[in-house]
PDB file of all heavy atoms in Angstrom:
ATOM      1  N   GLU A   1      17.849  27.858 -14.361  1.00  0.00           N
ATOM      2  CA  GLU A   1      18.333  26.919 -15.368  1.00  0.00           C
ATOM      3  C   GLU A   1      18.676  25.599 -14.695  1.00  0.00           C
ATOM      4  O   GLU A   1      19.435  25.563 -13.732  1.00  0.00           O
ATOM      5  CB  GLU A   1      19.572  27.495 -16.049  1.00  0.00           C
ATOM      6  CG  GLU A   1      20.084  26.665 -17.188  1.00  0.00           C
ATOM      7  CD  GLU A   1      19.142  26.573 -18.369  1.00  0.00           C
ATOM      8  OE1 GLU A   1      18.358  27.524 -18.587  1.00  0.00           O
ATOM      9  OE2 GLU A   1      19.170  25.551 -19.067  1.00  0.00           O
ATOM     10  N   ARG A   2      18.100  24.517 -15.182  1.00  0.00           N
ATOM     11  CA  ARG A   2      18.358  23.202 -14.621  1.00  0.00           C
ATOM     12  C   ARG A   2      19.132  22.371 -15.621  1.00  0.00           C
ATOM     13  O   ARG A   2      18.890  22.443 -16.812  1.00  0.00           O
ATOM     14  CB  ARG A   2      17.040  22.496 -14.290  1.00  0.00           C
ATOM     15  CG  ARG A   2      16.299  23.162 -13.154  1.00  0.00           C
ATOM     16  CD  ARG A   2      14.913  22.646 -12.965  1.00  0.00           C
ATOM     17  NE  ARG A   2      14.843  21.203 -12.878  1.00  0.00           N
ATOM     18  CZ  ARG A   2      13.748  20.550 -12.579  1.00  0.00           C
ATOM     19  NH1 ARG A   2      12.641  21.183 -12.336  1.00  0.00           N
ATOM     20  NH2 ARG A   2      13.736  19.244 -12.518  1.00  0.00           N
ATOM     21  N   SER A   3      20.052  21.577 -15.128  1.00  0.00           N
ATOM     22  CA  SER A   3      20.822  20.693 -15.979  1.00  0.00           C
ATOM     23  C   SER A   3      19.956  19.487 -16.329  1.00  0.00           C
ATOM     24  O   SER A   3      19.464  18.799 -15.444  1.00  0.00           O
ATOM     25  CB  SER A   3      22.085  20.242 -15.247  1.00  0.00           C
ATOM     26  OG  SER A   3      22.811  19.347 -16.047  1.00  0.00           O
ATOM     27  N   THR A   4      19.747  19.270 -17.628  1.00  0.00           N
ATOM     28  CA  THR A   4      18.943  18.139 -18.071  1.00  0.00           C
ATOM     29  C   THR A   4      19.726  17.310 -19.080  1.00  0.00           C
ATOM     30  O   THR A   4      20.654  17.799 -19.713  1.00  0.00           O
ATOM     31  CB  THR A   4      17.621  18.588 -18.722  1.00  0.00           C
ATOM     32  OG1 THR A   4      17.897  19.333 -19.904  1.00  0.00           O
ATOM     33  CG2 THR A   4      16.779  19.405 -17.767  1.00  0.00           C
ATOM     34  N   HIS A   5      19.317  16.070 -19.228  1.00  0.00           N
ATOM     35  CA  HIS A   5      19.968  15.160 -20.152  1.00  0.00           C
ATOM     36  C   HIS A   5      18.907  14.382 -20.918  1.00  0.00           C
ATOM     37  O   HIS A   5      17.916  13.946 -20.330  1.00  0.00           O
ATOM     38  CB  HIS A   5      20.885  14.194 -19.401  1.00  0.00           C
ATOM     39  CG  HIS A   5      21.940  14.911 -18.625  1.00  0.00           C
ATOM     40  ND1 HIS A   5      23.123  15.299 -19.187  1.00  0.00           N
ATOM     41  CD2 HIS A   5      21.970  15.350 -17.354  1.00  0.00           C
ATOM     42  CE1 HIS A   5      23.845  15.930 -18.279  1.00  0.00           C
ATOM     43  NE2 HIS A   5      23.160  15.974 -17.159  1.00  0.00           N
ATOM     44  N   LYS A   6      19.158  14.213 -22.213  1.00  0.00           N
ATOM     45  CA  LYS A   6      18.229  13.456 -23.039  1.00  0.00           C
ATOM     46  C   LYS A   6      18.365  11.980 -22.712  1.00  0.00           C
ATOM     47  O   LYS A   6      19.463  11.435 -22.679  1.00  0.00           O
ATOM     48  CB  LYS A   6      18.526  13.690 -24.516  1.00  0.00           C
ATOM     49  CG  LYS A   6      17.563  12.996 -25.431  1.00  0.00           C
ATOM     50  CD  LYS A   6      17.689  13.345 -26.905  1.00  0.00           C
ATOM     51  CE  LYS A   6      19.019  13.777 -27.364  1.00  0.00           C
ATOM     52  NZ  LYS A   6      19.107  14.028 -28.788  1.00  0.00           N
ATOM     53  N   ILE A   7      17.227  11.332 -22.425  1.00  0.00           N
ATOM     54  CA  ILE A   7      17.272   9.904 -22.140  1.00  0.00           C
ATOM     55  C   ILE A   7      16.541   9.082 -23.214  1.00  0.00           C
ATOM     56  O   ILE A   7      16.653   7.869 -23.233  1.00  0.00           O
ATOM     57  CB  ILE A   7      16.700   9.569 -20.744  1.00  0.00           C
ATOM     58  CG1 ILE A   7      15.243   9.984 -20.610  1.00  0.00           C
ATOM     59  CG2 ILE A   7      17.556  10.172 -19.655  1.00  0.00           C
ATOM     60  CD1 ILE A   7      14.579   9.474 -19.337  1.00  0.00           C
ATOM     61  N   TYR A   8      15.823   9.779 -24.105  1.00  0.00           N
ATOM     62  CA  TYR A   8      15.076   9.050 -25.118  1.00  0.00           C
ATOM     63  C   TYR A   8      14.704   9.989 -26.255  1.00  0.00           C
ATOM     64  O   TYR A   8      14.382  11.143 -26.018  1.00  0.00           O
ATOM     65  CB  TYR A   8      13.797   8.465 -24.497  1.00  0.00           C
ATOM     66  CG  TYR A   8      12.931   7.685 -25.450  1.00  0.00           C
ATOM     67  CD1 TYR A   8      13.289   6.410 -25.868  1.00  0.00           C
ATOM     68  CD2 TYR A   8      11.752   8.217 -25.928  1.00  0.00           C
ATOM     69  CE1 TYR A   8      12.491   5.692 -26.737  1.00  0.00           C
ATOM     70  CE2 TYR A   8      10.942   7.506 -26.798  1.00  0.00           C
ATOM     71  CZ  TYR A   8      11.321   6.244 -27.197  1.00  0.00           C
ATOM     72  OH  TYR A   8      10.527   5.546 -28.055  1.00  0.00           O
ATOM     73  N   GLU A   9      14.775   9.497 -27.480  1.00  0.00           N
ATOM     74  CA  GLU A   9      14.320  10.277 -28.627  1.00  0.00           C
ATOM     75  C   GLU A   9      13.663   9.327 -29.609  1.00  0.00           C
ATOM     76  O   GLU A   9      14.206   8.266 -29.923  1.00  0.00           O
ATOM     77  CB  GLU A   9      15.498  11.003 -29.285  1.00  0.00           C
ATOM     78  CG  GLU A   9      15.066  11.926 -30.385  1.00  0.00           C
ATOM     79  CD  GLU A   9      16.189  12.832 -30.854  1.00  0.00           C
ATOM     80  OE1 GLU A   9      17.342  12.623 -30.443  1.00  0.00           O
ATOM     81  OE2 GLU A   9      15.901  13.738 -31.631  1.00  0.00           O
ATOM     82  N   GLU A  10      12.495   9.707 -30.092  1.00  0.00           N
ATOM     83  CA  GLU A  10      11.734   8.857 -31.004  1.00  0.00           C
ATOM     84  C   GLU A  10      11.414   9.630 -32.272  1.00  0.00           C
ATOM     85  O   GLU A  10      10.460  10.413 -32.311  1.00  0.00           O
ATOM     86  CB  GLU A  10      10.444   8.375 -30.332  1.00  0.00           C
ATOM     87  CG  GLU A  10       9.563   7.499 -31.185  1.00  0.00           C
ATOM     88  CD  GLU A  10      10.217   6.189 -31.595  1.00  0.00           C
ATOM     89  OE1 GLU A  10      10.916   5.593 -30.771  1.00  0.00           O
ATOM     90  OE2 GLU A  10      10.042   5.767 -32.749  1.00  0.00           O
ATOM     91  N   GLY A  11      12.222   9.449 -33.285  1.00  0.00           N
ATOM     92  CA  GLY A  11      11.975  10.041 -34.595  1.00  0.00           C
ATOM     93  C   GLY A  11      11.485  11.470 -34.551  1.00  0.00           C
ATOM     94  O   GLY A  11      12.088  12.342 -33.940  1.00  0.00           O
ATOM     95  N   ASN A  12      10.356  11.712 -35.190  1.00  0.00           N
ATOM     96  CA  ASN A  12       9.792  13.054 -35.283  1.00  0.00           C
ATOM     97  C   ASN A  12       8.871  13.408 -34.131  1.00  0.00           C
ATOM     98  O   ASN A  12       8.369  14.520 -34.058  1.00  0.00           O
ATOM     99  CB  ASN A  12       9.034  13.206 -36.607  1.00  0.00           C
ATOM    100  CG  ASN A  12       9.952  13.085 -37.801  1.00  0.00           C
ATOM    101  OD1 ASN A  12      11.133  13.384 -37.710  1.00  0.00           O
ATOM    102  ND2 ASN A  12       9.399  12.638 -38.917  1.00  0.00           N
ATOM    103  N   VAL A  13       8.623  12.464 -33.252  1.00  0.00           N
ATOM    104  CA  VAL A  13       7.693  12.704 -32.146  1.00  0.00           C
ATOM    105  C   VAL A  13       8.297  13.631 -31.104  1.00  0.00           C
ATOM    106  O   VAL A  13       7.621  14.498 -30.574  1.00  0.00           O
ATOM    107  CB  VAL A  13       7.261  11.367 -31.487  1.00  0.00           C
ATOM    108  CG1 VAL A  13       6.351  11.618 -30.307  1.00  0.00           C
ATOM    109  CG2 VAL A  13       6.576  10.487 -32.503  1.00  0.00           C
ATOM    110  N   GLY A  14       9.563  13.469 -30.786  1.00  0.00           N
ATOM    111  CA  GLY A  14      10.216  14.321 -29.801  1.00  0.00           C
ATOM    112  C   GLY A  14      11.189  13.558 -28.939  1.00  0.00           C
ATOM    113  O   GLY A  14      11.574  12.437 -29.249  1.00  0.00           O
ATOM    114  N   GLU A  15      11.571  14.201 -27.845  1.00  0.00           N
ATOM    115  CA  GLU A  15      12.556  13.612 -26.960  1.00  0.00           C
ATOM    116  C   GLU A  15      12.092  13.706 -25.507  1.00  0.00           C
ATOM    117  O   GLU A  15      11.197  14.479 -25.180  1.00  0.00           O
ATOM    118  CB  GLU A  15      13.908  14.312 -27.104  1.00  0.00           C
ATOM    119  CG  GLU A  15      13.907  15.755 -26.648  1.00  0.00           C
ATOM    120  CD  GLU A  15      15.235  16.449 -26.887  1.00  0.00           C
ATOM    121  OE1 GLU A  15      16.028  15.999 -27.731  1.00  0.00           O
ATOM    122  OE2 GLU A  15      15.475  17.461 -26.222  1.00  0.00           O
ATOM    123  N   VAL A  16      12.709  12.900 -24.668  1.00  0.00           N
ATOM    124  CA  VAL A  16      12.449  12.936 -23.238  1.00  0.00           C
ATOM    125  C   VAL A  16      13.746  13.370 -22.567  1.00  0.00           C
ATOM    126  O   VAL A  16      14.804  12.798 -22.814  1.00  0.00           O
ATOM    127  CB  VAL A  16      12.023  11.552 -22.697  1.00  0.00           C
ATOM    128  CG1 VAL A  16      11.864  11.593 -21.184  1.00  0.00           C
ATOM    129  CG2 VAL A  16      10.740  11.093 -23.367  1.00  0.00           C
ATOM    130  N   ARG A  17      13.664  14.410 -21.728  1.00  0.00           N
ATOM    131  CA  ARG A  17      14.825  14.914 -20.997  1.00  0.00           C
ATOM    132  C   ARG A  17      14.540  14.777 -19.504  1.00  0.00           C
ATOM    133  O   ARG A  17      13.396  14.874 -19.083  1.00  0.00           O
ATOM    134  CB  ARG A  17      15.100  16.363 -21.360  1.00  0.00           C
ATOM    135  CG  ARG A  17      15.431  16.540 -22.849  1.00  0.00           C
ATOM    136  CD  ARG A  17      15.876  17.935 -23.191  1.00  0.00           C
ATOM    137  NE  ARG A  17      17.182  18.289 -22.690  1.00  0.00           N
ATOM    138  CZ  ARG A  17      18.344  17.961 -23.258  1.00  0.00           C
ATOM    139  NH1 ARG A  17      18.347  17.232 -24.342  1.00  0.00           N
ATOM    140  NH2 ARG A  17      19.485  18.358 -22.743  1.00  0.00           N
ATOM    141  N   ILE A  18      15.600  14.555 -18.746  1.00  0.00           N
ATOM    142  CA  ILE A  18      15.454  14.396 -17.302  1.00  0.00           C
ATOM    143  C   ILE A  18      16.462  15.304 -16.600  1.00  0.00           C
ATOM    144  O   ILE A  18      17.618  15.396 -17.006  1.00  0.00           O
ATOM    145  CB  ILE A  18      15.630  12.912 -16.882  1.00  0.00           C
ATOM    146  CG1 ILE A  18      15.297  12.718 -15.416  1.00  0.00           C
ATOM    147  CG2 ILE A  18      17.010  12.397 -17.215  1.00  0.00           C
ATOM    148  CD1 ILE A  18      15.142  11.270 -15.019  1.00  0.00           C
ATOM    149  N   ALA A  19      15.998  15.989 -15.566  1.00  0.00           N
ATOM    150  CA  ALA A  19      16.860  16.896 -14.809  1.00  0.00           C
ATOM    151  C   ALA A  19      17.695  16.110 -13.802  1.00  0.00           C
ATOM    152  O   ALA A  19      17.260  15.086 -13.279  1.00  0.00           O
ATOM    153  CB  ALA A  19      16.013  17.938 -14.078  1.00  0.00           C
ATOM    154  N   ASP A  20      18.900  16.627 -13.534  1.00  0.00           N
ATOM    155  CA  ASP A  20      19.777  15.991 -12.552  1.00  0.00           C
ATOM    156  C   ASP A  20      19.094  15.834 -11.204  1.00  0.00           C
ATOM    157  O   ASP A  20      19.248  14.807 -10.542  1.00  0.00           O
ATOM    158  CB  ASP A  20      21.048  16.825 -12.350  1.00  0.00           C
ATOM    159  CG  ASP A  20      22.001  16.745 -13.529  1.00  0.00           C
ATOM    160  OD1 ASP A  20      21.688  16.057 -14.520  1.00  0.00           O
ATOM    161  OD2 ASP A  20      23.066  17.377 -13.449  1.00  0.00           O
ATOM    162  N   ASP A  21      18.333  16.853 -10.800  1.00  0.00           N
ATOM    163  CA  ASP A  21      17.717  16.767  -9.479  1.00  0.00           C
ATOM    164  C   ASP A  21      16.614  15.715  -9.416  1.00  0.00           C
ATOM    165  O   ASP A  21      16.305  15.212  -8.346  1.00  0.00           O
ATOM    166  CB  ASP A  21      17.238  18.123  -8.963  1.00  0.00           C
ATOM    167  CG  ASP A  21      16.298  18.854  -9.877  1.00  0.00           C
ATOM    168  OD1 ASP A  21      16.240  18.517 -11.079  1.00  0.00           O
ATOM    169  OD2 ASP A  21      15.615  19.786  -9.412  1.00  0.00           O
ATOM    170  N   VAL A  22      16.053  15.322 -10.549  1.00  0.00           N
ATOM    171  CA  VAL A  22      15.084  14.221 -10.567  1.00  0.00           C
ATOM    172  C   VAL A  22      15.810  12.914 -10.251  1.00  0.00           C
ATOM    173  O   VAL A  22      15.332  12.101  -9.457  1.00  0.00           O
ATOM    174  CB  VAL A  22      14.359  14.135 -11.923  1.00  0.00           C
ATOM    175  CG1 VAL A  22      13.529  12.865 -12.025  1.00  0.00           C
ATOM    176  CG2 VAL A  22      13.498  15.365 -12.141  1.00  0.00           C
ATOM    177  N   VAL A  23      16.979  12.728 -10.841  1.00  0.00           N
ATOM    178  CA  VAL A  23      17.784  11.544 -10.559  1.00  0.00           C
ATOM    179  C   VAL A  23      18.210  11.545  -9.092  1.00  0.00           C
ATOM    180  O   VAL A  23      18.201  10.509  -8.425  1.00  0.00           O
ATOM    181  CB  VAL A  23      19.013  11.465 -11.492  1.00  0.00           C
ATOM    182  CG1 VAL A  23      19.884  10.268 -11.146  1.00  0.00           C
ATOM    183  CG2 VAL A  23      18.573  11.397 -12.951  1.00  0.00           C
ATOM    184  N   ALA A  24      18.532  12.721  -8.562  1.00  0.00           N
ATOM    185  CA  ALA A  24      18.916  12.834  -7.149  1.00  0.00           C
ATOM    186  C   ALA A  24      17.756  12.463  -6.231  1.00  0.00           C
ATOM    187  O   ALA A  24      17.955  11.783  -5.212  1.00  0.00           O
ATOM    188  CB  ALA A  24      19.407  14.248  -6.846  1.00  0.00           C
ATOM    189  N   VAL A  25      16.540  12.875  -6.566  1.00  0.00           N
ATOM    190  CA  VAL A  25      15.370  12.521  -5.758  1.00  0.00           C
ATOM    191  C   VAL A  25      15.135  11.010  -5.796  1.00  0.00           C
ATOM    192  O   VAL A  25      14.852  10.394  -4.764  1.00  0.00           O
ATOM    193  CB  VAL A  25      14.117  13.297  -6.217  1.00  0.00           C
ATOM    194  CG1 VAL A  25      12.857  12.719  -5.598  1.00  0.00           C
ATOM    195  CG2 VAL A  25      14.248  14.768  -5.864  1.00  0.00           C
ATOM    196  N   ILE A  26      15.282  10.409  -6.968  1.00  0.00           N
ATOM    197  CA  ILE A  26      15.136   8.955  -7.083  1.00  0.00           C
ATOM    198  C   ILE A  26      16.158   8.266  -6.181  1.00  0.00           C
ATOM    199  O   ILE A  26      15.825   7.339  -5.440  1.00  0.00           O
ATOM    200  CB  ILE A  26      15.306   8.486  -8.546  1.00  0.00           C
ATOM    201  CG1 ILE A  26      14.141   8.991  -9.403  1.00  0.00           C
ATOM    202  CG2 ILE A  26      15.414   6.959  -8.632  1.00  0.00           C
ATOM    203  CD1 ILE A  26      14.350   8.818 -10.904  1.00  0.00           C
ATOM    204  N   ALA A  27      17.403   8.742  -6.215  1.00  0.00           N
ATOM    205  CA  ALA A  27      18.461   8.165  -5.374  1.00  0.00           C
ATOM    206  C   ALA A  27      18.130   8.339  -3.892  1.00  0.00           C
ATOM    207  O   ALA A  27      18.297   7.407  -3.096  1.00  0.00           O
ATOM    208  CB  ALA A  27      19.808   8.805  -5.697  1.00  0.00           C
ATOM    209  N   GLY A  28      17.648   9.510  -3.514  1.00  0.00           N
ATOM    210  CA  GLY A  28      17.305   9.774  -2.120  1.00  0.00           C
ATOM    211  C   GLY A  28      16.174   8.904  -1.623  1.00  0.00           C
ATOM    212  O   GLY A  28      16.230   8.367  -0.512  1.00  0.00           O
ATOM    213  N   LEU A  29      15.142   8.759  -2.432  1.00  0.00           N
ATOM    214  CA  LEU A  29      14.018   7.898  -2.047  1.00  0.00           C
ATOM    215  C   LEU A  29      14.469   6.451  -1.888  1.00  0.00           C
ATOM    216  O   LEU A  29      14.083   5.770  -0.933  1.00  0.00           O
ATOM    217  CB  LEU A  29      12.903   7.987  -3.089  1.00  0.00           C
ATOM    218  CG  LEU A  29      12.073   9.250  -3.072  1.00  0.00           C
ATOM    219  CD1 LEU A  29      11.176   9.318  -4.298  1.00  0.00           C
ATOM    220  CD2 LEU A  29      11.240   9.319  -1.806  1.00  0.00           C
ATOM    221  N   ALA A  30      15.282   5.982  -2.831  1.00  0.00           N
ATOM    222  CA  ALA A  30      15.770   4.600  -2.766  1.00  0.00           C
ATOM    223  C   ALA A  30      16.615   4.390  -1.515  1.00  0.00           C
ATOM    224  O   ALA A  30      16.468   3.379  -0.821  1.00  0.00           O
ATOM    225  CB  ALA A  30      16.564   4.267  -4.025  1.00  0.00           C
ATOM    226  N   ALA A  31      17.485   5.335  -1.213  1.00  0.00           N
ATOM    227  CA  ALA A  31      18.344   5.217  -0.029  1.00  0.00           C
ATOM    228  C   ALA A  31      17.520   5.192   1.252  1.00  0.00           C
ATOM    229  O   ALA A  31      17.807   4.424   2.171  1.00  0.00           O
ATOM    230  CB  ALA A  31      19.352   6.365   0.007  1.00  0.00           C
ATOM    231  N   MET A  32      16.492   6.020   1.319  1.00  0.00           N
ATOM    232  CA  MET A  32      15.664   6.102   2.521  1.00  0.00           C
ATOM    233  C   MET A  32      14.863   4.827   2.766  1.00  0.00           C
ATOM    234  O   MET A  32      14.417   4.578   3.884  1.00  0.00           O
ATOM    235  CB  MET A  32      14.717   7.302   2.445  1.00  0.00           C
ATOM    236  CG  MET A  32      15.409   8.655   2.468  1.00  0.00           C
ATOM    237  SD  MET A  32      16.372   8.959   3.950  1.00  0.00           S
ATOM    238  CE  MET A  32      15.073   9.035   5.155  1.00  0.00           C
ATOM    239  N   GLU A  33      14.678   3.995   1.731  1.00  0.00           N
ATOM    240  CA  GLU A  33      13.940   2.743   1.879  1.00  0.00           C
ATOM    241  C   GLU A  33      14.758   1.645   2.546  1.00  0.00           C
ATOM    242  O   GLU A  33      14.206   0.629   2.971  1.00  0.00           O
ATOM    243  CB  GLU A  33      13.462   2.242   0.509  1.00  0.00           C
ATOM    244  CG  GLU A  33      12.367   3.087  -0.092  1.00  0.00           C
ATOM    245  CD  GLU A  33      11.953   2.597  -1.477  1.00  0.00           C
ATOM    246  OE1 GLU A  33      12.585   1.651  -2.008  1.00  0.00           O
ATOM    247  OE2 GLU A  33      11.007   3.164  -2.026  1.00  0.00           O
ATOM    248  N   VAL A  34      16.067   1.833   2.627  1.00  0.00           N
ATOM    249  CA  VAL A  34      16.939   0.802   3.188  1.00  0.00           C
ATOM    250  C   VAL A  34      16.901   0.860   4.716  1.00  0.00           C
ATOM    251  O   VAL A  34      17.098   1.923   5.314  1.00  0.00           O
ATOM    252  CB  VAL A  34      18.385   0.969   2.670  1.00  0.00           C
ATOM    253  CG1 VAL A  34      19.317  -0.032   3.347  1.00  0.00           C
ATOM    254  CG2 VAL A  34      18.432   0.809   1.155  1.00  0.00           C
ATOM    255  N   GLU A  35      16.664  -0.289   5.329  1.00  0.00           N
ATOM    256  CA  GLU A  35      16.631  -0.355   6.790  1.00  0.00           C
ATOM    257  C   GLU A  35      18.009  -0.011   7.351  1.00  0.00           C
ATOM    258  O   GLU A  35      19.025  -0.531   6.884  1.00  0.00           O
ATOM    259  CB  GLU A  35      16.223  -1.762   7.237  1.00  0.00           C
ATOM    260  CG  GLU A  35      16.055  -1.879   8.727  1.00  0.00           C
ATOM    261  CD  GLU A  35      15.586  -3.269   9.164  1.00  0.00           C
ATOM    262  OE1 GLU A  35      15.261  -4.103   8.309  1.00  0.00           O
ATOM    263  OE2 GLU A  35      15.566  -3.486  10.383  1.00  0.00           O
ATOM    264  N   GLY A  36      18.021   0.880   8.320  1.00  0.00           N
ATOM    265  CA  GLY A  36      19.271   1.311   8.925  1.00  0.00           C
ATOM    266  C   GLY A  36      19.653   2.723   8.532  1.00  0.00           C
ATOM    267  O   GLY A  36      20.497   3.339   9.170  1.00  0.00           O
TER     268      GLY A  36
END
């Protein structure tokens, strides 16, 4: 079971959910790009 959060919903089409660990990977990649 992964913790997810809705980030977008469009009428009857559906919703977009994102897992916490996806946000963590984005943060990790961004941090690794910084010199030092």
